[in-house]
Structures are given as structure tokens and as C-alpha cells.
Amino acid sequence: MSIVSSEKNRCIVLVGMPGSGKTTVGRDLAKRLGLRFVDTDHEIEARTGVKIPIIFEIEGEDGFRKRETQTLDDLTRESNMVLATGGGAVIRPENRALLRERAVVVFLSVPPPILWERTRHDRSRPLLPVSDPRGRLEELLEVRGPYYREGAHIIVEGGRGTPHAMVKLIEKELQALCEH
């Protein structure tokens, strides 16, 4: 029996900052649980035929966030899936509400120095190409941190161990959640 099946067949949603490991951990978690894996940013790119930085360039952050909300709304109506969100998905209150209501939300909490190490050479992150990307990461975490925590059913402190270790922690927490 899948852990998710005892949680009303809801999907498992990973939230966290860019570089927190949502995609890597999500893929591994989905494989271990026998579920489908979807990354919302990849889904938005597949639906539009355009890369995320180009959407930001043409439509601005607000245009991208509208697309993100529609994608989250569509995907969270499905079950038996692990869904990795974009780092800013929690900004909109409607996103936090639908994720919390329709999914088991797991916040991957990773310290800023580790986020910086993981993202500093990645040019595909639309909010980080600024003069002080490290400072920008810290600003984003300050704004988003409370939203991540507010919406999470499970908080996993990460960044120090392997993705496999994080998956094991999430599995343990999911099992405990389902037993209550």
C-alpha cells in the first residue's frame, strides 16, 4: 500500500527555495513510492513551449505567476504524484491554500549558504541574475520562509545529507502523518 493512499490519494508537493533539492529529491521520492513525478516549471515550459526566463522577460513575474497558479490548480486535482514547485509558488495566497488543501506539503528547508553554493552557477533562475545574487537569495528566503512554513504539513531540514537521506526522512514523516 502506498503511503499516499492512506492520505486520501492526495499528491505530495515539495516546496522550498531554488537550490533546496525539490526536483532531485522529488524524483527519488516518486521512484521509491511508485508515483509519477512532475516539476511545475518543466510543466509550464511544456505547456507554453517557452523557457521560464523568457516568460519572465515577456510577461513579467506576474504573468508567470498566473501561469504557475493555473498549472498548480490543474496538477493538484490529480493524485498519486510527487510535485516539485517553483521556489516562488508560495507567494500567492491562493497557491498556498490549494496546496495545503489538496496535497501533503513538504518544505525542504535548506540554509542560505548551501542554497548559494547550489545556485551560483545556474543562469536559468530568473530572479537571481542581479548584482548581488547571494543577497537576493537571502531576501527571497526572508520573504518566502514564513509562507513555506505556514503551508507545510512536514518540514525537513536539509542541505547537509544526500538526496537519498532526505527522501528517507520524508518517507518517515509521511508514515507518521498517515498514522494520525
C-alpha atoms as a PDB file:
ATOM      1  CA  MET A   1       0.000   0.000   0.000  1.00  0.00           C
ATOM      2  CA  SER A   2       1.332   3.424  -0.912  1.00  0.00           C
ATOM      3  CA  ILE A   3       1.847   5.913   1.872  1.00  0.00           C
ATOM      4  CA  VAL A   4      -0.147   8.390  -0.175  1.00  0.00           C
ATOM      5  CA  SER A   5      -3.164   6.077  -0.499  1.00  0.00           C
ATOM      6  CA  SER A   6      -3.868   6.360   3.199  1.00  0.00           C
ATOM      7  CA  GLU A   7      -3.728  10.142   2.814  1.00  0.00           C
ATOM      8  CA  LYS A   8      -6.807  10.213   0.532  1.00  0.00           C
ATOM      9  CA  ASN A   9      -4.704   9.625  -2.590  1.00  0.00           C
ATOM     10  CA  ARG A  10      -3.504  13.186  -2.450  1.00  0.00           C
ATOM     11  CA  CYS A  11      -0.307  14.231  -4.120  1.00  0.00           C
ATOM     12  CA  ILE A  12       2.882  15.096  -2.285  1.00  0.00           C
ATOM     13  CA  VAL A  13       4.123  18.606  -3.036  1.00  0.00           C
ATOM     14  CA  LEU A  14       7.669  19.779  -2.364  1.00  0.00           C
ATOM     15  CA  VAL A  15       8.188  23.481  -1.677  1.00  0.00           C
ATOM     16  CA  GLY A  16      11.348  25.406  -0.916  1.00  0.00           C
ATOM     17  CA  MET A  17      13.896  27.843  -2.215  1.00  0.00           C
ATOM     18  CA  PRO A  18      15.727  27.491  -5.517  1.00  0.00           C
ATOM     19  CA  GLY A  19      18.513  25.007  -4.863  1.00  0.00           C
ATOM     20  CA  SER A  20      16.757  23.250  -1.976  1.00  0.00           C
ATOM     21  CA  GLY A  21      16.598  19.993  -3.942  1.00  0.00           C
ATOM     22  CA  LYS A  22      12.899  19.837  -4.811  1.00  0.00           C
ATOM     23  CA  THR A  23      13.448  18.288  -8.230  1.00  0.00           C
ATOM     24  CA  THR A  24      16.237  15.889  -7.226  1.00  0.00           C
ATOM     25  CA  VAL A  25      14.537  14.759  -4.018  1.00  0.00           C
ATOM     26  CA  GLY A  26      11.131  14.705  -5.723  1.00  0.00           C
ATOM     27  CA  ARG A  27      12.309  12.364  -8.464  1.00  0.00           C
ATOM     28  CA  ASP A  28      13.855   9.998  -5.919  1.00  0.00           C
ATOM     29  CA  LEU A  29      10.800  10.121  -3.651  1.00  0.00           C
ATOM     30  CA  ALA A  30       8.421   9.418  -6.535  1.00  0.00           C
ATOM     31  CA  LYS A  31      10.534   6.469  -7.657  1.00  0.00           C
ATOM     32  CA  ARG A  32      10.621   4.974  -4.145  1.00  0.00           C
ATOM     33  CA  LEU A  33       6.860   5.391  -3.701  1.00  0.00           C
ATOM     34  CA  GLY A  34       5.960   4.245  -7.216  1.00  0.00           C
ATOM     35  CA  LEU A  35       4.380   7.592  -8.078  1.00  0.00           C
ATOM     36  CA  ARG A  36       4.562   9.918 -11.053  1.00  0.00           C
ATOM     37  CA  PHE A  37       6.946  12.883 -10.743  1.00  0.00           C
ATOM     38  CA  VAL A  38       6.127  16.334 -12.135  1.00  0.00           C
ATOM     39  CA  ASP A  39       8.158  19.539 -11.886  1.00  0.00           C
ATOM     40  CA  THR A  40       5.814  22.540 -12.266  1.00  0.00           C
ATOM     41  CA  ASP A  41       8.428  24.683 -14.012  1.00  0.00           C
ATOM     42  CA  HIS A  42       9.025  21.942 -16.590  1.00  0.00           C
ATOM     43  CA  GLU A  43       5.257  21.533 -16.974  1.00  0.00           C
ATOM     44  CA  ILE A  44       4.824  25.274 -17.617  1.00  0.00           C
ATOM     45  CA  GLU A  45       7.601  25.140 -20.216  1.00  0.00           C
ATOM     46  CA  ALA A  46       5.957  22.116 -21.874  1.00  0.00           C
ATOM     47  CA  ARG A  47       2.554  23.855 -21.943  1.00  0.00           C
ATOM     48  CA  THR A  48       3.881  27.130 -23.343  1.00  0.00           C
ATOM     49  CA  GLY A  49       6.767  25.868 -25.459  1.00  0.00           C
ATOM     50  CA  VAL A  50       8.900  28.597 -23.885  1.00  0.00           C
ATOM     51  CA  LYS A  51      11.625  28.568 -21.199  1.00  0.00           C
ATOM     52  CA  ILE A  52      10.796  30.186 -17.825  1.00  0.00           C
ATOM     53  CA  PRO A  53      13.317  33.080 -18.175  1.00  0.00           C
ATOM     54  CA  ILE A  54      11.670  34.048 -21.484  1.00  0.00           C
ATOM     55  CA  ILE A  55       8.199  34.026 -19.863  1.00  0.00           C
ATOM     56  CA  PHE A  56       9.580  36.348 -17.154  1.00  0.00           C
ATOM     57  CA  GLU A  57      11.136  38.580 -19.822  1.00  0.00           C
ATOM     58  CA  ILE A  58       7.940  38.848 -21.895  1.00  0.00           C
ATOM     59  CA  GLU A  59       5.162  38.656 -19.293  1.00  0.00           C
ATOM     60  CA  GLY A  60       6.979  39.702 -16.140  1.00  0.00           C
ATOM     61  CA  GLU A  61       6.798  37.879 -12.845  1.00  0.00           C
ATOM     62  CA  ASP A  62       3.040  38.478 -12.538  1.00  0.00           C
ATOM     63  CA  GLY A  63       2.354  36.807 -15.897  1.00  0.00           C
ATOM     64  CA  PHE A  64       4.489  33.846 -14.909  1.00  0.00           C
ATOM     65  CA  ARG A  65       2.760  33.562 -11.501  1.00  0.00           C
ATOM     66  CA  LYS A  66      -0.667  33.431 -13.205  1.00  0.00           C
ATOM     67  CA  ARG A  67       0.530  30.532 -15.366  1.00  0.00           C
ATOM     68  CA  GLU A  68       2.016  28.867 -12.293  1.00  0.00           C
ATOM     69  CA  THR A  69      -1.278  29.127 -10.373  1.00  0.00           C
ATOM     70  CA  GLN A  70      -3.222  27.584 -13.266  1.00  0.00           C
ATOM     71  CA  THR A  71      -0.697  24.753 -13.548  1.00  0.00           C
ATOM     72  CA  LEU A  72      -0.786  24.083  -9.791  1.00  0.00           C
ATOM     73  CA  ASP A  73      -4.573  24.114  -9.836  1.00  0.00           C
ATOM     74  CA  ASP A  74      -4.638  21.572 -12.672  1.00  0.00           C
ATOM     75  CA  LEU A  75      -1.961  19.284 -11.252  1.00  0.00           C
ATOM     76  CA  THR A  76      -3.218  19.209  -7.650  1.00  0.00           C
ATOM     77  CA  ARG A  77      -6.544  17.854  -8.885  1.00  0.00           C
ATOM     78  CA  GLU A  78      -4.650  14.672  -9.728  1.00  0.00           C
ATOM     79  CA  SER A  79      -3.404  12.093  -7.254  1.00  0.00           C
ATOM     80  CA  ASN A  80      -0.578   9.616  -6.810  1.00  0.00           C
ATOM     81  CA  MET A  81       2.093  12.103  -7.796  1.00  0.00           C
ATOM     82  CA  VAL A  82       5.082  13.904  -6.340  1.00  0.00           C
ATOM     83  CA  LEU A  83       5.077  17.520  -7.468  1.00  0.00           C
ATOM     84  CA  ALA A  84       8.089  19.852  -7.247  1.00  0.00           C
ATOM     85  CA  THR A  85       7.035  23.501  -7.279  1.00  0.00           C
ATOM     86  CA  GLY A  86       8.967  26.560  -8.308  1.00  0.00           C
ATOM     87  CA  GLY A  87      10.544  28.409  -5.383  1.00  0.00           C
ATOM     88  CA  GLY A  88       8.059  31.278  -5.561  1.00  0.00           C
ATOM     89  CA  ALA A  89       4.885  29.216  -5.829  1.00  0.00           C
ATOM     90  CA  VAL A  90       4.039  30.027  -2.206  1.00  0.00           C
ATOM     91  CA  ILE A  91       3.918  33.785  -2.790  1.00  0.00           C
ATOM     92  CA  ARG A  92       0.284  33.784  -3.891  1.00  0.00           C
ATOM     93  CA  PRO A  93      -2.220  33.051  -1.103  1.00  0.00           C
ATOM     94  CA  GLU A  94      -4.413  31.021  -3.469  1.00  0.00           C
ATOM     95  CA  ASN A  95      -1.476  28.720  -4.212  1.00  0.00           C
ATOM     96  CA  ARG A  96      -0.763  28.157  -0.527  1.00  0.00           C
ATOM     97  CA  ALA A  97      -4.434  27.406   0.099  1.00  0.00           C
ATOM     98  CA  LEU A  98      -4.860  24.923  -2.746  1.00  0.00           C
ATOM     99  CA  LEU A  99      -1.587  23.157  -1.985  1.00  0.00           C
ATOM    100  CA  ARG A 100      -2.423  22.817   1.702  1.00  0.00           C
ATOM    101  CA  GLU A 101      -5.966  21.619   0.935  1.00  0.00           C
ATOM    102  CA  ARG A 102      -5.216  19.192  -1.895  1.00  0.00           C
ATOM    103  CA  ALA A 103      -1.756  17.859  -1.098  1.00  0.00           C
ATOM    104  CA  VAL A 104       0.677  16.813   1.575  1.00  0.00           C
ATOM    105  CA  VAL A 105       3.088  19.751   1.506  1.00  0.00           C
ATOM    106  CA  VAL A 106       6.740  19.106   2.363  1.00  0.00           C
ATOM    107  CA  PHE A 107       9.015  22.107   2.917  1.00  0.00           C
ATOM    108  CA  LEU A 108      12.680  21.398   2.168  1.00  0.00           C
ATOM    109  CA  SER A 109      14.400  23.894   4.449  1.00  0.00           C
ATOM    110  CA  VAL A 110      17.999  24.487   3.408  1.00  0.00           C
ATOM    111  CA  PRO A 111      20.358  27.142   4.876  1.00  0.00           C
ATOM    112  CA  PRO A 112      21.264  30.120   2.629  1.00  0.00           C
ATOM    113  CA  PRO A 113      24.989  29.274   2.273  1.00  0.00           C
ATOM    114  CA  ILE A 114      24.086  25.872   0.808  1.00  0.00           C
ATOM    115  CA  LEU A 115      21.426  27.410  -1.473  1.00  0.00           C
ATOM    116  CA  TRP A 116      24.077  29.834  -2.713  1.00  0.00           C
ATOM    117  CA  GLU A 117      26.568  27.050  -3.425  1.00  0.00           C
ATOM    118  CA  ARG A 118      23.964  25.110  -5.385  1.00  0.00           C
ATOM    119  CA  THR A 119      22.626  28.020  -7.454  1.00  0.00           C
ATOM    120  CA  ARG A 120      25.541  30.375  -8.015  1.00  0.00           C
ATOM    121  CA  HIS A 121      26.477  28.990 -11.441  1.00  0.00           C
ATOM    122  CA  ASP A 122      22.913  28.397 -12.647  1.00  0.00           C
ATOM    123  CA  ARG A 123      21.899  31.101 -15.127  1.00  0.00           C
ATOM    124  CA  SER A 124      18.397  29.676 -15.665  1.00  0.00           C
ATOM    125  CA  ARG A 125      16.970  31.096 -12.423  1.00  0.00           C
ATOM    126  CA  PRO A 126      15.027  34.216 -13.454  1.00  0.00           C
ATOM    127  CA  LEU A 127      15.138  36.056 -10.112  1.00  0.00           C
ATOM    128  CA  LEU A 128      18.845  35.584  -9.409  1.00  0.00           C
ATOM    129  CA  PRO A 129      20.675  37.387 -12.260  1.00  0.00           C
ATOM    130  CA  VAL A 130      21.230  40.541 -10.188  1.00  0.00           C
ATOM    131  CA  SER A 131      24.380  42.300  -8.971  1.00  0.00           C
ATOM    132  CA  ASP A 132      24.193  40.515  -5.581  1.00  0.00           C
ATOM    133  CA  PRO A 133      22.606  37.082  -6.164  1.00  0.00           C
ATOM    134  CA  ARG A 134      23.624  35.808  -2.730  1.00  0.00           C
ATOM    135  CA  GLY A 135      21.929  38.769  -1.066  1.00  0.00           C
ATOM    136  CA  ARG A 136      18.921  38.270  -3.333  1.00  0.00           C
ATOM    137  CA  LEU A 137      18.639  34.622  -2.200  1.00  0.00           C
ATOM    138  CA  GLU A 138      18.670  35.756   1.422  1.00  0.00           C
ATOM    139  CA  GLU A 139      15.994  38.405   0.695  1.00  0.00           C
ATOM    140  CA  LEU A 140      13.803  35.854  -1.059  1.00  0.00           C
ATOM    141  CA  LEU A 141      14.160  33.414   1.833  1.00  0.00           C
ATOM    142  CA  GLU A 142      13.237  36.129   4.326  1.00  0.00           C
ATOM    143  CA  VAL A 143      10.012  36.842   2.406  1.00  0.00           C
ATOM    144  CA  ARG A 144       9.132  33.268   1.455  1.00  0.00           C
ATOM    145  CA  GLY A 145      10.270  31.431   4.610  1.00  0.00           C
ATOM    146  CA  PRO A 146       7.111  32.163   6.611  1.00  0.00           C
ATOM    147  CA  TYR A 147       4.942  31.091   3.652  1.00  0.00           C
ATOM    148  CA  TYR A 148       6.813  27.810   3.271  1.00  0.00           C
ATOM    149  CA  ARG A 149       6.349  27.058   6.962  1.00  0.00           C
ATOM    150  CA  GLU A 150       2.702  28.181   7.027  1.00  0.00           C
ATOM    151  CA  GLY A 151       1.715  25.856   4.210  1.00  0.00           C
ATOM    152  CA  ALA A 152       3.778  22.814   5.149  1.00  0.00           C
ATOM    153  CA  HIS A 153       2.427  19.638   6.715  1.00  0.00           C
ATOM    154  CA  ILE A 154       6.025  18.405   7.012  1.00  0.00           C
ATOM    155  CA  ILE A 155       9.260  20.382   7.364  1.00  0.00           C
ATOM    156  CA  VAL A 156      12.513  18.618   6.523  1.00  0.00           C
ATOM    157  CA  GLU A 157      15.782  20.315   7.422  1.00  0.00           C
ATOM    158  CA  GLY A 158      18.105  19.570   4.549  1.00  0.00           C
ATOM    159  CA  GLY A 159      21.216  20.503   2.727  1.00  0.00           C
ATOM    160  CA  ARG A 160      23.717  18.544   4.753  1.00  0.00           C
ATOM    161  CA  GLY A 161      22.866  14.995   3.751  1.00  0.00           C
ATOM    162  CA  THR A 162      22.337  13.243   0.467  1.00  0.00           C
ATOM    163  CA  PRO A 163      19.088  13.433  -1.504  1.00  0.00           C
ATOM    164  CA  HIS A 164      18.524   9.789  -0.522  1.00  0.00           C
ATOM    165  CA  ALA A 165      18.754  10.725   3.175  1.00  0.00           C
ATOM    166  CA  MET A 166      16.178  13.475   2.643  1.00  0.00           C
ATOM    167  CA  VAL A 167      13.878  11.011   0.890  1.00  0.00           C
ATOM    168  CA  LYS A 168      14.141   8.633   3.851  1.00  0.00           C
ATOM    169  CA  LEU A 169      13.284  11.481   6.244  1.00  0.00           C
ATOM    170  CA  ILE A 170      10.267  12.447   4.135  1.00  0.00           C
ATOM    171  CA  GLU A 171       9.078   8.831   3.979  1.00  0.00           C
ATOM    172  CA  LYS A 172       9.324   8.586   7.769  1.00  0.00           C
ATOM    173  CA  GLU A 173       7.379  11.832   8.227  1.00  0.00           C
ATOM    174  CA  LEU A 174       4.725  10.777   5.685  1.00  0.00           C
ATOM    175  CA  GLN A 175       4.260   7.496   7.503  1.00  0.00           C
ATOM    176  CA  ALA A 176       3.852   9.315  10.843  1.00  0.00           C
ATOM    177  CA  LEU A 177       1.374  11.752   9.248  1.00  0.00           C
ATOM    178  CA  CYS A 178      -0.715   8.897   7.857  1.00  0.00           C
ATOM    179  CA  GLU A 179      -0.831   7.139  11.238  1.00  0.00           C
ATOM    180  CA  HIS A 180      -2.551  10.133  12.837  1.00  0.00           C
END
